[in-house]
Amino acid sequence: MASCARTLPARSSPTSPAATPIANPVTEPVADSGAPGSFLYRKRNGGYPSLAPLLRGITPAVVNVAVLSEVSIEEHPFLRDPEFRRFMQEFGLQLPDSSESHKRQSVGSGVIIDGKRGLVLTNAHLIADADDITVTLKNRRNFKARLVGSDSGTDIAVLRIKPVNAPRQRFGDSNTLEVGDFVIAIGNPFGLGQTVTSGIVSAVGRTGIAEDSLGELIQTDASINPGNSGGPLINLAGEVIGINTALFGPYGGNVGIGFAVPGNRVQRAMRRIIGQR
């Protein structure tokens, strides 16, 4: 089973209001934090800061997306070598048929944008050529999903599952992002299950990625690994400000350079897709 992500080889709506704190018996707001909405909390036992109350209102909406597709078996370079083919035939070994196909399972992430309508946002490259799509919630309930539509220019796709009870996520204004803003990435790296990582915005308006087919992207050092594709990038007000789409590094691993499609572009693509149905 492959953990799907758009891996890049190493070179060789109006702004939503601030999040409201979530009451919890083991945390209390940080005194005089100065943060809008005062989403930062300190643990009562130890007094250290925690983002757990913020994440409790977000993670139930983040899902795992498993895709089953049929792909052609590409002819191995050795099979194009006449001497190698002659060797195989001489010893009576059967040459693989490059016209054959096999089933491939990939895993990624998504975020529920409208639980009542069962709408899930994910990456278009994750569900390309999909024969079967399964969405699994944080509570391990799973649903068969169908594709509503996709937009390759933003690498965004919208899926539909049965209506579910999930917190409605708010989009922030990605145009206001600055280098140094703290961000959180949520997804399903390597198919391990829901995982949260944090970092900062490393750059905005980054171009030249994926042959420049995705336009300007948010660059972050929050760990984005294969399987994080389609998961949300969140600011510290609890708003979605991007959808994770690519990572840059050798062997498909994280080296602190990940990319997300800005939330404002995601919303425009999402409205076009939903409006067509």
Protein backbone atom coordinates (compact mmCIF):
# COMPACT_ATOMS: atom_id res chain seq x y z
CA MET A 1 0.00 0.00 0.00
CA ALA A 2 1.52 3.30 -1.08
CA SER A 3 1.33 6.52 0.89
CA CYS A 4 0.33 9.01 -1.73
CA ALA A 5 1.87 12.44 -1.95
CA ARG A 6 3.02 14.63 -4.78
CA THR A 7 6.74 14.21 -4.09
CA LEU A 8 9.15 16.63 -5.70
CA PRO A 9 12.66 15.21 -6.24
CA ALA A 10 15.58 17.01 -4.66
CA ARG A 11 17.57 18.86 -7.26
CA SER A 12 20.40 16.65 -8.35
CA SER A 13 -14.22 33.69 1.46
CA PRO A 14 -14.11 36.61 3.99
CA THR A 15 -11.78 36.08 6.89
CA SER A 16 -13.44 34.03 9.61
CA PRO A 17 -13.55 35.22 13.23
CA ALA A 18 -10.93 33.97 15.67
CA ALA A 19 -11.44 30.60 17.28
CA THR A 20 -13.33 30.39 20.57
CA PRO A 21 -11.52 28.59 23.39
CA ILE A 22 -12.83 25.12 24.20
CA ALA A 23 -13.37 24.46 27.89
CA ASN A 24 -11.44 21.53 29.33
CA PRO A 25 -10.96 20.46 32.93
CA VAL A 26 -7.22 19.96 32.54
CA THR A 27 -6.42 23.26 30.86
CA GLU A 28 -6.97 26.93 31.42
CA PRO A 29 -6.41 30.01 29.20
CA VAL A 30 -2.98 31.60 29.14
CA ALA A 31 -3.11 34.79 31.20
CA ASP A 32 -2.65 38.00 29.19
CA SER A 33 -1.75 36.10 26.05
CA GLY A 34 -2.91 38.97 23.85
CA ALA A 35 -3.99 36.50 21.19
CA PRO A 36 -7.36 37.04 19.49
CA GLY A 37 -9.77 34.52 20.92
CA SER A 38 -7.09 33.44 23.43
CA PHE A 39 -6.88 29.92 22.04
CA LEU A 40 -3.65 29.15 23.92
CA TYR A 41 -4.04 27.19 27.13
CA ARG A 42 -1.76 26.08 29.91
CA LYS A 43 -1.95 22.67 31.52
CA ARG A 44 -3.06 23.03 35.10
CA ASN A 45 -0.64 20.30 36.10
CA GLY A 46 2.67 21.78 35.01
CA GLY A 47 1.55 25.14 33.65
CA TYR A 48 2.95 24.62 30.14
CA PRO A 49 1.18 25.79 26.94
CA SER A 50 -0.90 23.36 24.87
CA LEU A 51 -2.74 23.46 21.55
CA ALA A 52 -4.79 20.38 22.44
CA PRO A 53 -8.03 22.34 23.06
CA LEU A 54 -7.72 23.98 19.63
CA LEU A 55 -7.07 20.67 17.89
CA ARG A 56 -10.05 18.96 19.50
CA GLY A 57 -12.28 21.16 17.37
CA ILE A 58 -10.42 20.35 14.15
CA THR A 59 -9.11 16.77 14.10
CA PRO A 60 -12.57 15.07 13.97
CA ALA A 61 -13.01 16.71 10.54
CA VAL A 62 -9.71 15.38 9.16
CA VAL A 63 -10.05 12.02 7.38
CA ASN A 64 -7.93 9.30 5.80
CA VAL A 65 -8.54 8.67 2.10
CA ALA A 66 -7.72 5.25 0.64
CA VAL A 67 -7.78 4.89 -3.14
CA LEU A 68 -7.79 1.69 -5.20
CA SER A 69 -6.87 2.11 -8.86
CA GLU A 70 -5.85 -0.04 -11.79
CA VAL A 71 -2.52 0.87 -13.36
CA SER A 72 -0.58 -0.52 -16.30
CA ILE A 73 2.63 -2.44 -15.72
CA GLU A 74 5.32 -0.28 -17.26
CA GLU A 75 7.90 -2.12 -19.32
CA HIS A 76 11.13 -2.44 -17.35
CA PRO A 77 14.19 -0.85 -19.04
CA PHE A 78 15.92 -4.27 -19.02
CA LEU A 79 13.17 -5.63 -21.25
CA ARG A 80 14.12 -3.11 -23.93
CA ASP A 81 17.61 -4.61 -24.05
CA PRO A 82 17.73 -7.19 -26.92
CA GLU A 83 20.50 -9.17 -25.20
CA PHE A 84 18.51 -9.45 -21.99
CA ARG A 85 15.38 -10.53 -23.86
CA ARG A 86 17.44 -13.15 -25.74
CA PHE A 87 18.80 -14.41 -22.41
CA MET A 88 15.28 -14.72 -20.96
CA GLN A 89 14.02 -16.59 -24.02
CA GLU A 90 17.07 -18.89 -24.15
CA PHE A 91 16.34 -20.16 -20.64
CA GLY A 92 12.61 -20.42 -21.25
CA LEU A 93 11.75 -17.56 -18.91
CA GLN A 94 8.48 -15.78 -19.61
CA LEU A 95 8.71 -12.09 -20.39
CA PRO A 96 6.25 -9.87 -18.50
CA ASP A 97 3.42 -8.49 -20.59
CA SER A 98 3.66 -4.69 -20.37
CA SER A 99 0.01 -4.41 -21.44
CA GLU A 100 -1.11 -6.09 -18.22
CA SER A 101 -2.36 -4.05 -15.27
CA HIS A 102 -2.47 -4.45 -11.53
CA LYS A 103 -4.38 -2.95 -8.62
CA ARG A 104 -2.64 -0.21 -6.64
CA GLN A 105 -3.76 1.17 -3.28
CA SER A 106 -2.73 4.65 -2.24
CA VAL A 107 -3.45 6.53 0.96
CA GLY A 108 -3.76 10.22 1.69
CA SER A 109 -5.80 12.70 3.68
CA GLY A 110 -8.77 15.00 3.42
CA VAL A 111 -10.92 17.37 5.43
CA ILE A 112 -14.71 17.41 5.83
CA ILE A 113 -15.97 20.81 4.72
CA ASP A 114 -19.69 20.13 5.11
CA GLY A 115 -20.70 17.16 7.26
CA LYS A 116 -24.42 17.56 6.60
CA ARG A 117 -23.85 17.22 2.87
CA GLY A 118 -21.01 14.73 3.27
CA LEU A 119 -18.52 16.88 1.32
CA VAL A 120 -14.82 16.10 1.72
CA LEU A 121 -11.93 18.13 0.32
CA THR A 122 -8.74 16.36 -0.80
CA ASN A 123 -6.05 16.43 -3.53
CA ALA A 124 -6.89 15.78 -7.16
CA HIS A 125 -3.67 13.82 -7.75
CA LEU A 126 -4.59 11.44 -4.93
CA ILE A 127 -7.84 10.28 -6.54
CA ALA A 128 -6.70 10.32 -10.19
CA ASP A 129 -7.84 7.16 -12.01
CA ALA A 130 -9.52 5.88 -8.84
CA ASP A 131 -11.78 2.86 -9.13
CA ASP A 132 -12.68 2.81 -5.44
CA ILE A 133 -12.38 5.52 -2.76
CA THR A 134 -12.83 4.92 0.98
CA VAL A 135 -12.94 7.72 3.54
CA THR A 136 -12.18 6.83 7.16
CA LEU A 137 -13.04 9.18 10.02
CA LYS A 138 -10.98 9.69 13.15
CA ASN A 139 -13.40 7.40 15.03
CA ARG A 140 -12.58 4.67 12.44
CA ARG A 141 -15.97 4.72 10.74
CA ASN A 142 -15.46 4.36 7.00
CA PHE A 143 -17.57 5.24 3.99
CA LYS A 144 -17.41 4.65 0.27
CA ALA A 145 -16.95 7.98 -1.49
CA ARG A 146 -17.73 9.22 -4.96
CA LEU A 147 -15.99 11.99 -6.82
CA VAL A 148 -18.00 15.20 -7.15
CA GLY A 149 -15.34 16.93 -9.25
CA SER A 150 -11.73 18.02 -9.36
CA ASP A 151 -9.54 20.92 -10.46
CA SER A 152 -6.05 19.90 -11.58
CA GLY A 153 -4.82 23.51 -11.65
CA THR A 154 -5.15 23.73 -7.88
CA ASP A 155 -4.80 19.98 -7.22
CA ILE A 156 -8.17 20.04 -5.45
CA ALA A 157 -10.96 17.44 -5.51
CA VAL A 158 -14.28 17.22 -3.72
CA LEU A 159 -15.68 13.85 -2.60
CA ARG A 160 -19.13 12.98 -1.27
CA ILE A 161 -19.89 10.49 1.49
CA LYS A 162 -22.97 9.90 3.63
CA PRO A 163 -23.84 12.81 5.94
CA VAL A 164 -21.76 12.74 9.12
CA ASN A 165 -21.50 14.72 12.31
CA ALA A 166 -18.28 16.72 12.04
CA PRO A 167 -17.20 20.18 13.17
CA ARG A 168 -17.50 22.67 10.33
CA GLN A 169 -14.11 24.06 9.41
CA ARG A 170 -13.52 27.75 8.72
CA PHE A 171 -11.16 29.16 6.12
CA GLY A 172 -8.80 32.00 6.96
CA ASP A 173 -7.52 34.61 4.53
CA SER A 174 -4.36 33.09 3.08
CA ASN A 175 -3.43 36.45 1.54
CA THR A 176 -2.55 37.70 5.02
CA LEU A 177 0.02 34.96 5.68
CA GLU A 178 3.55 36.10 6.42
CA VAL A 179 6.84 34.31 6.78
CA GLY A 180 7.12 33.29 10.44
CA ASP A 181 3.41 32.66 11.06
CA PHE A 182 2.88 29.43 13.01
CA VAL A 183 0.99 26.67 11.22
CA ILE A 184 -0.20 23.11 11.92
CA ALA A 185 -0.40 20.27 9.38
CA ILE A 186 -2.80 17.37 9.95
CA GLY A 187 -2.87 14.19 7.89
CA ASN A 188 -2.12 10.50 7.49
CA PRO A 189 1.65 10.21 6.86
CA PHE A 190 2.80 6.84 5.52
CA GLY A 191 -0.67 5.45 6.31
CA LEU A 192 0.10 5.49 10.05
CA GLY A 193 -3.14 7.25 10.99
CA GLN A 194 -3.99 10.80 11.96
CA THR A 195 -0.89 12.79 12.87
CA VAL A 196 -0.36 16.45 13.80
CA THR A 197 2.83 18.40 13.09
CA SER A 198 3.66 22.07 13.53
CA GLY A 199 6.03 24.66 12.15
CA ILE A 200 6.05 28.06 10.52
CA VAL A 201 5.38 29.57 7.13
CA SER A 202 8.78 29.44 5.44
CA ALA A 203 7.81 31.32 2.28
CA VAL A 204 4.72 32.57 0.49
CA GLY A 205 4.07 32.83 -3.23
CA ARG A 206 6.56 30.05 -3.96
CA THR A 207 6.58 29.18 -7.67
CA GLY A 208 8.43 26.76 -9.92
CA ILE A 209 7.09 23.73 -8.03
CA ALA A 210 5.74 20.66 -9.88
CA GLU A 211 6.80 22.25 -13.17
CA ASP A 212 4.94 25.37 -12.05
CA SER A 213 1.60 23.66 -12.72
CA LEU A 214 0.22 24.59 -9.29
CA GLY A 215 1.01 28.30 -9.30
CA GLU A 216 1.98 30.11 -6.11
CA LEU A 217 2.19 27.89 -3.02
CA ILE A 218 2.73 28.22 0.71
CA GLN A 219 6.04 26.73 1.83
CA THR A 220 6.26 25.39 5.39
CA ASP A 221 8.66 23.46 7.57
CA ALA A 222 5.79 21.67 9.34
CA SER A 223 6.47 18.01 8.56
CA ILE A 224 4.60 16.93 5.42
CA ASN A 225 5.27 13.34 4.38
CA PRO A 226 3.75 10.91 1.86
CA GLY A 227 0.14 10.43 2.97
CA ASN A 228 -0.29 14.02 4.16
CA SER A 229 -1.58 15.00 0.71
CA GLY A 230 -5.06 16.51 0.93
CA GLY A 231 -4.87 17.30 4.63
CA PRO A 232 -5.37 20.83 5.96
CA LEU A 233 -2.77 23.40 6.93
CA ILE A 234 -4.16 25.30 9.92
CA ASN A 235 -3.24 28.63 11.50
CA LEU A 236 -3.28 29.22 15.24
CA ALA A 237 -6.78 30.69 15.06
CA GLY A 238 -8.01 27.25 14.02
CA GLU A 239 -8.64 28.28 10.40
CA VAL A 240 -7.78 26.32 7.25
CA ILE A 241 -5.28 28.41 5.32
CA GLY A 242 -4.09 25.76 2.87
CA ILE A 243 -4.34 22.18 1.62
CA ASN A 244 -1.11 20.18 1.74
CA THR A 245 -0.11 19.05 -1.72
CA ALA A 246 3.63 18.37 -2.12
CA LEU A 247 6.92 17.76 -0.39
CA PHE A 248 10.46 18.32 -1.52
CA GLY A 249 13.21 15.90 -0.61
CA PRO A 250 15.15 12.78 -1.45
CA TYR A 251 13.41 9.39 -1.39
CA GLY A 252 10.03 11.02 -0.71
CA GLY A 253 10.93 11.88 2.89
CA ASN A 254 10.53 15.12 4.79
CA VAL A 255 13.47 17.53 4.95
CA GLY A 256 11.52 20.50 6.26
CA ILE A 257 10.24 21.72 2.89
CA GLY A 258 6.56 21.13 2.22
CA PHE A 259 3.99 22.97 0.13
CA ALA A 260 0.30 23.77 0.41
CA VAL A 261 -2.21 25.32 -1.99
CA PRO A 262 -3.33 28.66 -0.46
CA GLY A 263 -6.77 28.52 1.11
CA ASN A 264 -8.20 31.38 -0.96
CA ARG A 265 -7.46 29.51 -4.20
CA VAL A 266 -8.81 26.31 -2.67
CA GLN A 267 -12.12 28.01 -1.86
CA ARG A 268 -12.53 29.37 -5.38
CA ALA A 269 -11.84 25.94 -6.91
CA MET A 270 -14.15 24.27 -4.41
CA ARG A 271 -17.03 26.64 -5.25
CA ARG A 272 -16.57 25.99 -8.96
CA ILE A 273 -16.63 22.23 -8.43
CA ILE A 274 -19.68 22.24 -6.16
CA GLY A 275 -21.46 24.79 -8.32
CA GLN A 276 -21.19 22.49 -11.33
CA ARG A 277 -23.23 19.79 -9.57
